[in-house]
């Protein structure tokens, strides 16, 4: 059994949460970073972390998808809540940009960038790392992070170009590997090219994975990502587990004996 950390989980969206966390502990998961995506999600994430203290570590964010449903005052309230509760968070996230055409029909690039800049400002002011969503917006997301002077950022479930990945790594940033490492070619390429010292493991649960057989993910599925990364890189599972867990503890400044 390995000591693993799921660095990106939407625990507020899980059904039967307690049993899934018990399952994760039994599988060797020693910590989970629960990400927030909206005001309601942030509130719930904080509640979960308080109930599972020392195992669930909260991150507070505002996902670009959520902006379509919010008015200006609601956005302000969400940003204010994040800043007011930032001391309880290990990171600012999930935040970022999404240039999928379906998203852009509802939320302009300009609004997404404006809100991202403000969230990055909070992260910078309080010395928090950032968890970044960057679908089809990899270069712009990286530029925003660099412009904000962010020192620690992880591009979660990265599927972008090799050139942008090189700039991410050269900038001292990280990417995370999901269970999609089993089959998603763009994600597999990124995980293969990223140095192990810049790699985290995550599930993004309860997202659905798989091509032929589909399944709704849970925190224990970080083991699937571990095995896929090991096979892809040709490195022993134990070595992957130890390094990615050390990476996560350092990245999020977690107080975990390891």
C-alpha atoms as a PDB file:
ATOM      1  CA  UNK A   1       0.000   0.000   0.000  1.00  0.00           C
ATOM      2  CA  UNK A   2       1.297   3.458  -0.946  1.00  0.00           C
ATOM      3  CA  UNK A   3       0.835   6.810   0.775  1.00  0.00           C
ATOM      4  CA  UNK A   4      -0.972   8.940  -1.799  1.00  0.00           C
ATOM      5  CA  UNK A   5      -2.657  12.351  -1.962  1.00  0.00           C
ATOM      6  CA  UNK A   6      -5.605  13.197  -4.189  1.00  0.00           C
ATOM      7  CA  UNK A   7      -4.720  16.804  -4.981  1.00  0.00           C
ATOM      8  CA  UNK A   8      -7.979  17.757  -6.723  1.00  0.00           C
ATOM      9  CA  UNK A   9     -11.360  16.406  -5.639  1.00  0.00           C
ATOM     10  CA  UNK A  10     -14.833  17.973  -5.748  1.00  0.00           C
ATOM     11  CA  UNK A  11     -15.882  16.389  -2.463  1.00  0.00           C
ATOM     12  CA  UNK A  12     -18.922  18.649  -2.219  1.00  0.00           C
ATOM     13  CA  UNK A  13     -20.360  16.843  -5.256  1.00  0.00           C
ATOM     14  CA  UNK A  14     -19.885  13.286  -3.977  1.00  0.00           C
ATOM     15  CA  UNK A  15     -22.784  11.128  -2.896  1.00  0.00           C
ATOM     16  CA  UNK A  16     -22.153   9.054   0.233  1.00  0.00           C
ATOM     17  CA  UNK A  17     -19.057  11.114   0.989  1.00  0.00           C
ATOM     18  CA  UNK A  18     -18.151   9.502   4.305  1.00  0.00           C
ATOM     19  CA  UNK A  19     -18.006   5.995   2.863  1.00  0.00           C
ATOM     20  CA  UNK A  20     -15.903   7.215  -0.075  1.00  0.00           C
ATOM     21  CA  UNK A  21     -13.422   8.861   2.282  1.00  0.00           C
ATOM     22  CA  UNK A  22     -13.261   5.662   4.336  1.00  0.00           C
ATOM     23  CA  UNK A  23     -12.605   3.751   1.126  1.00  0.00           C
ATOM     24  CA  UNK A  24      -9.840   6.220   0.235  1.00  0.00           C
ATOM     25  CA  UNK A  25      -8.135   5.808   3.608  1.00  0.00           C
ATOM     26  CA  UNK A  26      -8.287   2.028   3.251  1.00  0.00           C
ATOM     27  CA  UNK A  27      -6.635   2.371  -0.187  1.00  0.00           C
ATOM     28  CA  UNK A  28      -3.688   4.309   1.266  1.00  0.00           C
ATOM     29  CA  UNK A  29      -4.816   7.871   0.625  1.00  0.00           C
ATOM     30  CA  UNK A  30      -3.374  10.025   3.411  1.00  0.00           C
ATOM     31  CA  UNK A  31      -4.895  13.361   2.382  1.00  0.00           C
ATOM     32  CA  UNK A  32      -7.278  14.964  -0.079  1.00  0.00           C
ATOM     33  CA  UNK A  33      -7.342  18.510  -1.389  1.00  0.00           C
ATOM     34  CA  UNK A  34     -10.994  19.485  -1.781  1.00  0.00           C
ATOM     35  CA  UNK A  35     -11.476  22.217  -4.370  1.00  0.00           C
ATOM     36  CA  UNK A  36     -14.234  24.802  -4.405  1.00  0.00           C
ATOM     37  CA  UNK A  37     -15.816  26.057  -7.610  1.00  0.00           C
ATOM     38  CA  UNK A  38     -18.574  28.452  -6.469  1.00  0.00           C
ATOM     39  CA  UNK A  39     -19.739  30.218  -3.329  1.00  0.00           C
ATOM     40  CA  UNK A  40     -21.950  27.292  -2.312  1.00  0.00           C
ATOM     41  CA  UNK A  41     -19.175  24.860  -3.156  1.00  0.00           C
ATOM     42  CA  UNK A  42     -16.659  26.832  -1.085  1.00  0.00           C
ATOM     43  CA  UNK A  43     -18.972  26.880   1.933  1.00  0.00           C
ATOM     44  CA  UNK A  44     -19.564  23.134   1.669  1.00  0.00           C
ATOM     45  CA  UNK A  45     -15.867  22.428   1.140  1.00  0.00           C
ATOM     46  CA  UNK A  46     -14.966  24.287   4.314  1.00  0.00           C
ATOM     47  CA  UNK A  47     -17.633  22.350   6.229  1.00  0.00           C
ATOM     48  CA  UNK A  48     -16.284  19.024   4.934  1.00  0.00           C
ATOM     49  CA  UNK A  49     -12.715  19.942   5.836  1.00  0.00           C
ATOM     50  CA  UNK A  50     -13.762  20.852   9.369  1.00  0.00           C
ATOM     51  CA  UNK A  51     -15.544  17.523   9.752  1.00  0.00           C
ATOM     52  CA  UNK A  52     -12.580  15.586   8.361  1.00  0.00           C
ATOM     53  CA  UNK A  53      -9.830  17.680   9.860  1.00  0.00           C
ATOM     54  CA  UNK A  54      -6.266  16.697   8.891  1.00  0.00           C
ATOM     55  CA  UNK A  55      -7.508  14.439   6.052  1.00  0.00           C
ATOM     56  CA  UNK A  56      -9.421  16.943   3.883  1.00  0.00           C
ATOM     57  CA  UNK A  57      -7.620  20.198   3.069  1.00  0.00           C
ATOM     58  CA  UNK A  58      -9.778  22.908   1.458  1.00  0.00           C
ATOM     59  CA  UNK A  59      -9.011  25.063  -1.557  1.00  0.00           C
ATOM     60  CA  UNK A  60     -11.354  27.961  -2.345  1.00  0.00           C
ATOM     61  CA  UNK A  61     -12.068  29.042  -5.886  1.00  0.00           C
ATOM     62  CA  UNK A  62     -14.437  30.323  -8.539  1.00  0.00           C
ATOM     63  CA  UNK A  63     -14.563  28.179 -11.662  1.00  0.00           C
ATOM     64  CA  UNK A  64     -14.937  29.969 -15.015  1.00  0.00           C
ATOM     65  CA  UNK A  65     -18.007  27.831 -15.795  1.00  0.00           C
ATOM     66  CA  UNK A  66     -19.786  29.349 -12.802  1.00  0.00           C
ATOM     67  CA  UNK A  67     -19.502  32.915 -14.080  1.00  0.00           C
ATOM     68  CA  UNK A  68     -22.356  32.388 -16.529  1.00  0.00           C
ATOM     69  CA  UNK A  69     -24.768  32.001 -13.615  1.00  0.00           C
ATOM     70  CA  UNK A  70     -23.620  35.002 -11.574  1.00  0.00           C
ATOM     71  CA  UNK A  71     -24.382  38.692 -11.593  1.00  0.00           C
ATOM     72  CA  UNK A  72     -21.759  41.299 -10.733  1.00  0.00           C
ATOM     73  CA  UNK A  73     -22.776  41.490  -7.066  1.00  0.00           C
ATOM     74  CA  UNK A  74     -22.703  37.700  -6.712  1.00  0.00           C
ATOM     75  CA  UNK A  75     -19.199  37.596  -8.181  1.00  0.00           C
ATOM     76  CA  UNK A  76     -18.118  40.242  -5.675  1.00  0.00           C
ATOM     77  CA  UNK A  77     -19.644  38.245  -2.831  1.00  0.00           C
ATOM     78  CA  UNK A  78     -17.808  35.108  -3.971  1.00  0.00           C
ATOM     79  CA  UNK A  79     -14.464  36.893  -4.179  1.00  0.00           C
ATOM     80  CA  UNK A  80     -15.022  38.498  -0.782  1.00  0.00           C
ATOM     81  CA  UNK A  81     -15.829  35.127   0.808  1.00  0.00           C
ATOM     82  CA  UNK A  82     -12.658  33.576  -0.603  1.00  0.00           C
ATOM     83  CA  UNK A  83     -10.516  36.368   0.785  1.00  0.00           C
ATOM     84  CA  UNK A  84     -12.261  36.349   4.155  1.00  0.00           C
ATOM     85  CA  UNK A  85     -11.661  32.608   4.530  1.00  0.00           C
ATOM     86  CA  UNK A  86      -8.274  32.360   2.834  1.00  0.00           C
ATOM     87  CA  UNK A  87      -6.477  31.534   6.082  1.00  0.00           C
ATOM     88  CA  UNK A  88      -8.390  28.235   6.215  1.00  0.00           C
ATOM     89  CA  UNK A  89      -7.406  27.286   2.655  1.00  0.00           C
ATOM     90  CA  UNK A  90      -4.301  25.505   1.377  1.00  0.00           C
ATOM     91  CA  UNK A  91      -4.769  26.967  -2.120  1.00  0.00           C
ATOM     92  CA  UNK A  92      -6.868  29.178  -4.368  1.00  0.00           C
ATOM     93  CA  UNK A  93      -8.700  26.903  -6.756  1.00  0.00           C
ATOM     94  CA  UNK A  94     -10.292  25.767  -8.837  1.00  0.00           C
ATOM     95  CA  UNK A  95      -9.792  28.876 -10.935  1.00  0.00           C
ATOM     96  CA  UNK A  96      -8.761  29.557 -14.509  1.00  0.00           C
ATOM     97  CA  UNK A  97      -9.871  29.985 -18.100  1.00  0.00           C
ATOM     98  CA  UNK A  98     -11.969  27.839 -20.422  1.00  0.00           C
ATOM     99  CA  UNK A  99     -12.083  28.611 -24.140  1.00  0.00           C
ATOM    100  CA  UNK A 100     -14.311  25.722 -25.148  1.00  0.00           C
ATOM    101  CA  UNK A 101     -16.833  27.209 -27.598  1.00  0.00           C
ATOM    102  CA  UNK A 102     -19.770  26.113 -25.430  1.00  0.00           C
ATOM    103  CA  UNK A 103     -18.339  28.014 -22.469  1.00  0.00           C
ATOM    104  CA  UNK A 104     -17.501  31.105 -24.511  1.00  0.00           C
ATOM    105  CA  UNK A 105     -21.129  31.363 -25.623  1.00  0.00           C
ATOM    106  CA  UNK A 106     -22.007  32.001 -21.969  1.00  0.00           C
ATOM    107  CA  UNK A 107     -18.879  33.666 -20.558  1.00  0.00           C
ATOM    108  CA  UNK A 108     -16.577  35.941 -22.549  1.00  0.00           C
ATOM    109  CA  UNK A 109     -12.807  35.630 -22.523  1.00  0.00           C
ATOM    110  CA  UNK A 110     -12.643  39.152 -21.127  1.00  0.00           C
ATOM    111  CA  UNK A 111     -14.767  38.385 -18.072  1.00  0.00           C
ATOM    112  CA  UNK A 112     -12.908  35.133 -17.446  1.00  0.00           C
ATOM    113  CA  UNK A 113      -9.567  36.925 -17.567  1.00  0.00           C
ATOM    114  CA  UNK A 114     -10.736  39.755 -15.308  1.00  0.00           C
ATOM    115  CA  UNK A 115     -11.930  37.366 -12.606  1.00  0.00           C
ATOM    116  CA  UNK A 116      -8.840  35.188 -12.913  1.00  0.00           C
ATOM    117  CA  UNK A 117      -6.587  38.223 -12.423  1.00  0.00           C
ATOM    118  CA  UNK A 118      -8.464  39.144  -9.257  1.00  0.00           C
ATOM    119  CA  UNK A 119      -8.276  35.601  -7.889  1.00  0.00           C
ATOM    120  CA  UNK A 120      -4.559  35.437  -8.647  1.00  0.00           C
ATOM    121  CA  UNK A 121      -4.135  38.728  -6.795  1.00  0.00           C
ATOM    122  CA  UNK A 122      -5.677  37.131  -3.698  1.00  0.00           C
ATOM    123  CA  UNK A 123      -3.367  34.136  -4.033  1.00  0.00           C
ATOM    124  CA  UNK A 124      -0.330  36.360  -4.424  1.00  0.00           C
ATOM    125  CA  UNK A 125      -1.251  38.606  -1.482  1.00  0.00           C
ATOM    126  CA  UNK A 126      -1.745  35.687   0.897  1.00  0.00           C
ATOM    127  CA  UNK A 127       1.032  33.461  -0.422  1.00  0.00           C
ATOM    128  CA  UNK A 128      -1.248  30.640  -1.574  1.00  0.00           C
ATOM    129  CA  UNK A 129      -0.625  28.249  -4.464  1.00  0.00           C
ATOM    130  CA  UNK A 130      -3.154  28.105  -7.294  1.00  0.00           C
ATOM    131  CA  UNK A 131      -5.039  25.218  -8.900  1.00  0.00           C
ATOM    132  CA  UNK A 132      -5.609  26.137 -12.525  1.00  0.00           C
ATOM    133  CA  UNK A 133      -8.199  25.039 -15.066  1.00  0.00           C
ATOM    134  CA  UNK A 134      -6.933  25.930 -18.555  1.00  0.00           C
ATOM    135  CA  UNK A 135      -8.920  24.058 -21.213  1.00  0.00           C
ATOM    136  CA  UNK A 136      -7.975  25.397 -24.679  1.00  0.00           C
ATOM    137  CA  UNK A 137      -6.539  28.428 -22.851  1.00  0.00           C
ATOM    138  CA  UNK A 138      -3.186  27.054 -21.795  1.00  0.00           C
ATOM    139  CA  UNK A 139      -1.029  29.909 -23.018  1.00  0.00           C
ATOM    140  CA  UNK A 140      -3.292  32.676 -21.706  1.00  0.00           C
ATOM    141  CA  UNK A 141      -3.617  30.975 -18.313  1.00  0.00           C
ATOM    142  CA  UNK A 142       0.147  30.639 -18.007  1.00  0.00           C
ATOM    143  CA  UNK A 143       0.633  34.276 -19.032  1.00  0.00           C
ATOM    144  CA  UNK A 144      -1.840  35.446 -16.374  1.00  0.00           C
ATOM    145  CA  UNK A 145      -0.047  33.446 -13.701  1.00  0.00           C
ATOM    146  CA  UNK A 146       3.333  34.782 -14.709  1.00  0.00           C
ATOM    147  CA  UNK A 147       2.045  38.363 -14.898  1.00  0.00           C
ATOM    148  CA  UNK A 148       0.579  38.007 -11.387  1.00  0.00           C
ATOM    149  CA  UNK A 149       3.900  36.848  -9.984  1.00  0.00           C
ATOM    150  CA  UNK A 150       2.498  33.527  -8.748  1.00  0.00           C
ATOM    151  CA  UNK A 151       5.237  31.215  -7.486  1.00  0.00           C
ATOM    152  CA  UNK A 152       3.256  27.962  -7.132  1.00  0.00           C
ATOM    153  CA  UNK A 153       0.684  26.835  -9.670  1.00  0.00           C
ATOM    154  CA  UNK A 154      -0.548  23.444 -10.825  1.00  0.00           C
ATOM    155  CA  UNK A 155      -2.241  23.089 -14.202  1.00  0.00           C
ATOM    156  CA  UNK A 156      -4.718  20.358 -13.471  1.00  0.00           C
ATOM    157  CA  UNK A 157      -5.533  17.644 -16.031  1.00  0.00           C
ATOM    158  CA  UNK A 158      -3.211  19.334 -18.541  1.00  0.00           C
ATOM    159  CA  UNK A 159      -3.752  18.450 -22.205  1.00  0.00           C
ATOM    160  CA  UNK A 160      -2.034  21.413 -23.846  1.00  0.00           C
ATOM    161  CA  UNK A 161       0.784  21.802 -26.311  1.00  0.00           C
ATOM    162  CA  UNK A 162       4.317  20.607 -25.559  1.00  0.00           C
ATOM    163  CA  UNK A 163       5.662  24.137 -26.022  1.00  0.00           C
ATOM    164  CA  UNK A 164       3.360  25.521 -23.336  1.00  0.00           C
ATOM    165  CA  UNK A 165       4.177  22.578 -21.080  1.00  0.00           C
ATOM    166  CA  UNK A 166       7.876  23.383 -21.418  1.00  0.00           C
ATOM    167  CA  UNK A 167       7.166  26.980 -20.402  1.00  0.00           C
ATOM    168  CA  UNK A 168       5.128  25.748 -17.426  1.00  0.00           C
ATOM    169  CA  UNK A 169       7.957  23.525 -16.244  1.00  0.00           C
ATOM    170  CA  UNK A 170      10.616  26.170 -16.933  1.00  0.00           C
ATOM    171  CA  UNK A 171       8.526  28.587 -14.852  1.00  0.00           C
ATOM    172  CA  UNK A 172       8.710  26.252 -11.869  1.00  0.00           C
ATOM    173  CA  UNK A 173       5.067  25.181 -12.115  1.00  0.00           C
ATOM    174  CA  UNK A 174       3.472  21.730 -12.084  1.00  0.00           C
ATOM    175  CA  UNK A 175       0.815  19.646 -13.806  1.00  0.00           C
ATOM    176  CA  UNK A 176      -1.398  16.910 -12.403  1.00  0.00           C
ATOM    177  CA  UNK A 177      -2.179  13.448 -13.719  1.00  0.00           C
ATOM    178  CA  UNK A 178      -5.731  12.102 -13.600  1.00  0.00           C
ATOM    179  CA  UNK A 179      -7.031   8.581 -14.298  1.00  0.00           C
ATOM    180  CA  UNK A 180      -7.406   9.784 -17.914  1.00  0.00           C
ATOM    181  CA  UNK A 181      -3.687   8.967 -18.128  1.00  0.00           C
ATOM    182  CA  UNK A 182      -4.928   5.456 -18.905  1.00  0.00           C
ATOM    183  CA  UNK A 183      -6.253   6.452 -22.345  1.00  0.00           C
ATOM    184  CA  UNK A 184      -6.331  10.179 -23.225  1.00  0.00           C
ATOM    185  CA  UNK A 185      -3.513  10.744 -25.727  1.00  0.00           C
ATOM    186  CA  UNK A 186      -2.938  14.484 -25.165  1.00  0.00           C
ATOM    187  CA  UNK A 187      -2.946  13.998 -21.405  1.00  0.00           C
ATOM    188  CA  UNK A 188      -0.651  10.967 -21.707  1.00  0.00           C
ATOM    189  CA  UNK A 189       1.820  12.995 -23.754  1.00  0.00           C
ATOM    190  CA  UNK A 190       1.897  15.767 -21.171  1.00  0.00           C
ATOM    191  CA  UNK A 191       2.380  13.326 -18.291  1.00  0.00           C
ATOM    192  CA  UNK A 192       5.125  11.539 -20.226  1.00  0.00           C
ATOM    193  CA  UNK A 193       6.971  14.804 -20.912  1.00  0.00           C
ATOM    194  CA  UNK A 194       6.627  16.339 -17.434  1.00  0.00           C
ATOM    195  CA  UNK A 195       9.457  15.586 -14.990  1.00  0.00           C
ATOM    196  CA  UNK A 196       8.362  13.547 -11.992  1.00  0.00           C
ATOM    197  CA  UNK A 197       9.400  16.373  -9.663  1.00  0.00           C
ATOM    198  CA  UNK A 198       6.679  18.547 -11.266  1.00  0.00           C
ATOM    199  CA  UNK A 199       3.850  16.018 -11.186  1.00  0.00           C
ATOM    200  CA  UNK A 200       0.893  15.650  -8.823  1.00  0.00           C
ATOM    201  CA  UNK A 201      -1.831  12.981  -8.786  1.00  0.00           C
ATOM    202  CA  UNK A 202      -5.547  13.805  -8.730  1.00  0.00           C
ATOM    203  CA  UNK A 203      -8.958  12.348  -9.514  1.00  0.00           C
ATOM    204  CA  UNK A 204     -11.100  15.452 -10.195  1.00  0.00           C
ATOM    205  CA  UNK A 205     -13.869  13.230  -8.776  1.00  0.00           C
ATOM    206  CA  UNK A 206     -16.714  12.711  -9.383  1.00  0.00           C
ATOM    207  CA  UNK A 207     -15.895  13.285 -13.066  1.00  0.00           C
ATOM    208  CA  UNK A 208     -16.653  10.334 -15.361  1.00  0.00           C
ATOM    209  CA  UNK A 209     -13.681   8.588 -17.012  1.00  0.00           C
ATOM    210  CA  UNK A 210     -13.202   5.787 -19.493  1.00  0.00           C
ATOM    211  CA  UNK A 211     -13.692   5.099 -23.158  1.00  0.00           C
ATOM    212  CA  UNK A 212     -15.147   1.614 -23.515  1.00  0.00           C
ATOM    213  CA  UNK A 213     -16.140   1.245 -19.865  1.00  0.00           C
ATOM    214  CA  UNK A 214     -17.264   4.445 -18.163  1.00  0.00           C
ATOM    215  CA  UNK A 215     -17.128   5.021 -14.414  1.00  0.00           C
ATOM    216  CA  UNK A 216     -17.746   7.883 -11.999  1.00  0.00           C
ATOM    217  CA  UNK A 217     -14.522   8.585 -10.147  1.00  0.00           C
ATOM    218  CA  UNK A 218     -13.929   8.705  -6.401  1.00  0.00           C
ATOM    219  CA  UNK A 219     -10.857   9.637  -4.324  1.00  0.00           C
ATOM    220  CA  UNK A 220      -9.580   6.043  -4.195  1.00  0.00           C
ATOM    221  CA  UNK A 221      -9.212   6.165  -8.002  1.00  0.00           C
ATOM    222  CA  UNK A 222      -5.991   8.111  -7.531  1.00  0.00           C
ATOM    223  CA  UNK A 223      -4.544   4.578  -7.562  1.00  0.00           C
ATOM    224  CA  UNK A 224      -5.593   4.244 -11.199  1.00  0.00           C
ATOM    225  CA  UNK A 225      -3.672   7.395 -12.028  1.00  0.00           C
ATOM    226  CA  UNK A 226      -0.637   6.097 -10.149  1.00  0.00           C
ATOM    227  CA  UNK A 227      -0.593   2.827 -12.075  1.00  0.00           C
ATOM    228  CA  UNK A 228      -1.098   4.581 -15.417  1.00  0.00           C
ATOM    229  CA  UNK A 229       1.731   7.058 -14.744  1.00  0.00           C
ATOM    230  CA  UNK A 230       4.018   4.217 -13.685  1.00  0.00           C
ATOM    231  CA  UNK A 231       3.342   2.274 -16.883  1.00  0.00           C
ATOM    232  CA  UNK A 232       3.637   5.361 -19.073  1.00  0.00           C
ATOM    233  CA  UNK A 233       6.931   6.529 -17.608  1.00  0.00           C
ATOM    234  CA  UNK A 234       8.392   3.086 -16.971  1.00  0.00           C
ATOM    235  CA  UNK A 235       9.073   3.981 -13.338  1.00  0.00           C
ATOM    236  CA  UNK A 236       8.212   1.807 -10.343  1.00  0.00           C
ATOM    237  CA  UNK A 237       4.869   2.604  -8.693  1.00  0.00           C
ATOM    238  CA  UNK A 238       6.515   3.034  -5.301  1.00  0.00           C
ATOM    239  CA  UNK A 239       8.877   5.684  -6.669  1.00  0.00           C
ATOM    240  CA  UNK A 240       5.983   7.533  -8.369  1.00  0.00           C
ATOM    241  CA  UNK A 241       3.937   7.400  -5.177  1.00  0.00           C
ATOM    242  CA  UNK A 242       6.720   8.689  -2.942  1.00  0.00           C
ATOM    243  CA  UNK A 243       7.739  11.557  -5.226  1.00  0.00           C
ATOM    244  CA  UNK A 244       4.230  12.767  -6.087  1.00  0.00           C
ATOM    245  CA  UNK A 245       3.230  12.702  -2.413  1.00  0.00           C
ATOM    246  CA  UNK A 246       6.324  14.681  -1.476  1.00  0.00           C
ATOM    247  CA  UNK A 247       5.495  17.088  -4.307  1.00  0.00           C
ATOM    248  CA  UNK A 248       1.973  17.568  -2.976  1.00  0.00           C
ATOM    249  CA  UNK A 249       3.058  18.108   0.624  1.00  0.00           C
ATOM    250  CA  UNK A 250       5.554  20.732  -0.497  1.00  0.00           C
ATOM    251  CA  UNK A 251       3.240  22.413  -3.009  1.00  0.00           C
ATOM    252  CA  UNK A 252       0.330  22.827  -0.581  1.00  0.00           C
ATOM    253  CA  UNK A 253       2.495  23.252   2.563  1.00  0.00           C
ATOM    254  CA  UNK A 254       0.629  20.377   4.194  1.00  0.00           C
ATOM    255  CA  UNK A 255       1.410  19.478   7.784  1.00  0.00           C
ATOM    256  CA  UNK A 256       1.508  15.739   7.217  1.00  0.00           C
ATOM    257  CA  UNK A 257       4.121  13.329   8.640  1.00  0.00           C
ATOM    258  CA  UNK A 258       5.612  11.398   5.759  1.00  0.00           C
END
